C-alpha atoms as a PDB file:
ATOM      1  CA  MET A   1      50.779-129.284  21.661  1.00  0.00           C
ATOM      2  CA  LEU A   2      47.083-128.424  23.354  1.00  0.00           C
ATOM      3  CA  LYS A   3      44.699-128.128  20.691  1.00  0.00           C
ATOM      4  CA  ILE A   4      42.403-125.128  21.229  1.00  0.00           C
ATOM      5  CA  VAL A   5      39.751-126.183  18.688  1.00  0.00           C
ATOM      6  CA  PRO A   6      38.657-129.942  18.052  1.00  0.00           C
ATOM      7  CA  ASP A   7      38.932-131.798  14.534  1.00  0.00           C
ATOM      8  CA  PRO A   8      35.789-131.573  12.787  1.00  0.00           C
ATOM      9  CA  PRO A   9      34.105-134.944  12.815  1.00  0.00           C
ATOM     10  CA  ILE A  10      34.501-136.989   9.778  1.00  0.00           C
ATOM     11  CA  THR A  11      31.507-138.324   8.336  1.00  0.00           C
ATOM     12  CA  SER A  12      30.860-140.617   5.875  1.00  0.00           C
ATOM     13  CA  ASN A  13      28.171-139.162   3.835  1.00  0.00           C
ATOM     14  CA  HIS A  14      29.404-136.840   1.651  1.00  0.00           C
ATOM     15  CA  SER A  15      30.474-137.014  -1.959  1.00  0.00           C
ATOM     16  CA  LEU A  16      34.108-137.287  -3.330  1.00  0.00           C
ATOM     17  CA  GLU A  17      33.164-134.281  -5.139  1.00  0.00           C
ATOM     18  CA  ASP A  18      32.653-132.434  -1.573  1.00  0.00           C
ATOM     19  CA  ILE A  19      35.593-133.787  -0.206  1.00  0.00           C
ATOM     20  CA  LEU A  20      37.792-132.536  -3.128  1.00  0.00           C
ATOM     21  CA  ILE A  21      36.016-128.816  -2.530  1.00  0.00           C
ATOM     22  CA  GLN A  22      36.873-129.557   1.327  1.00  0.00           C
ATOM     23  CA  ILE A  23      40.829-130.569   0.981  1.00  0.00           C
ATOM     24  CA  SER A  24      40.870-127.988  -1.773  1.00  0.00           C
ATOM     25  CA  GLU A  25      39.396-125.062   0.406  1.00  0.00           C
ATOM     26  CA  TYR A  26      42.445-126.327   3.574  1.00  0.00           C
ATOM     27  CA  LEU A  27      44.949-126.404   0.543  1.00  0.00           C
ATOM     28  CA  VAL A  28      44.110-122.898  -0.133  1.00  0.00           C
ATOM     29  CA  CYS A  29      44.103-121.426   3.639  1.00  0.00           C
ATOM     30  CA  ALA A  30      47.662-123.580   3.979  1.00  0.00           C
ATOM     31  CA  LEU A  31      48.745-122.033   1.594  1.00  0.00           C
ATOM     32  CA  THR A  32      47.989-118.421   2.904  1.00  0.00           C
ATOM     33  CA  VAL A  33      49.453-119.489   6.624  1.00  0.00           C
ATOM     34  CA  ALA A  34      53.243-119.970   4.692  1.00  0.00           C
ATOM     35  CA  GLN A  35      52.663-116.752   2.487  1.00  0.00           C
ATOM     36  CA  GLN A  36      51.970-114.684   5.384  1.00  0.00           C
ATOM     37  CA  THR A  37      54.960-116.588   7.131  1.00  0.00           C
ATOM     38  CA  VAL A  38      57.527-115.759   4.195  1.00  0.00           C
ATOM     39  CA  LEU A  39      56.093-111.546   4.683  1.00  0.00           C
ATOM     40  CA  LEU A  40      56.882-112.071   8.579  1.00  0.00           C
ATOM     41  CA  HIS A  41      60.147-113.998   8.044  1.00  0.00           C
ATOM     42  CA  PRO A  42      61.789-112.674   5.192  1.00  0.00           C
ATOM     43  CA  GLU A  43      65.549-114.649   6.547  1.00  0.00           C
ATOM     44  CA  PRO A  44      66.534-116.948   4.100  1.00  0.00           C
ATOM     45  CA  PRO A  45      67.168-120.450   5.905  1.00  0.00           C
ATOM     46  CA  GLY A  46      63.492-120.346   6.914  1.00  0.00           C
ATOM     47  CA  GLN A  47      62.062-118.857   3.339  1.00  0.00           C
ATOM     48  CA  VAL A  48      63.600-121.589   1.312  1.00  0.00           C
ATOM     49  CA  LEU A  49      61.549-123.923   3.282  1.00  0.00           C
ATOM     50  CA  THR A  50      58.339-122.286   3.343  1.00  0.00           C
ATOM     51  CA  LEU A  51      58.771-121.413   0.012  1.00  0.00           C
ATOM     52  CA  ALA A  52      59.252-125.102  -0.745  1.00  0.00           C
ATOM     53  CA  THR A  53      56.441-125.932   1.650  1.00  0.00           C
ATOM     54  CA  MET A  54      54.209-123.350  -0.915  1.00  0.00           C
ATOM     55  CA  HIS A  55      55.109-125.304  -4.204  1.00  0.00           C
ATOM     56  CA  GLU A  56      53.960-128.549  -2.413  1.00  0.00           C
ATOM     57  CA  ILE A  57      51.187-127.219  -1.262  1.00  0.00           C
ATOM     58  CA  ASP A  58      50.033-125.916  -4.843  1.00  0.00           C
ATOM     59  CA  ASN A  59      50.729-128.706  -6.715  1.00  0.00           C
ATOM     60  CA  ALA A  60      48.733-130.647  -4.425  1.00  0.00           C
ATOM     61  CA  ARG A  61      46.013-128.530  -5.054  1.00  0.00           C
ATOM     62  CA  ALA A  62      46.472-128.545  -8.782  1.00  0.00           C
ATOM     63  CA  LEU A  63      46.406-132.756  -8.419  1.00  0.00           C
ATOM     64  CA  VAL A  64      42.933-131.766  -6.853  1.00  0.00           C
ATOM     65  CA  GLU A  65      41.537-129.832  -9.029  1.00  0.00           C
ATOM     66  CA  VAL A  66      42.142-132.568 -11.915  1.00  0.00           C
ATOM     67  CA  ALA A  67      40.576-134.685  -9.540  1.00  0.00           C
ATOM     68  CA  LEU A  68      37.505-132.724  -9.262  1.00  0.00           C
ATOM     69  CA  GLY A  69      37.430-131.808 -12.913  1.00  0.00           C
ATOM     70  CA  LYS A  70      37.400-135.820 -13.417  1.00  0.00           C
ATOM     71  CA  VAL A  71      34.478-136.037 -10.511  1.00  0.00           C
ATOM     72  CA  GLN A  72      32.484-133.227 -12.133  1.00  0.00           C
ATOM     73  CA  LEU A  73      32.236-135.124 -16.157  1.00  0.00           C
ATOM     74  CA  LYS A  74      30.976-137.853 -14.639  1.00  0.00           C
ATOM     75  CA  HIS A  75      27.941-136.239 -13.297  1.00  0.00           C
END
């Protein structure tokens, strides 16, 4: 598959807190896409996988929030 938009450059000058915030934002976008997919494809077979994906994205986002809270407590 040909990518239309190139990946952003990855630089190491970001703090751990900045990286976690960016990951959280990507997960919010992924969750939104999955939610729209459920609305556009109401058939049960496709929905089951999308709903499972939403569940996993939400769990990952919760873990990022916990990690972000721990990073903020140290500062």
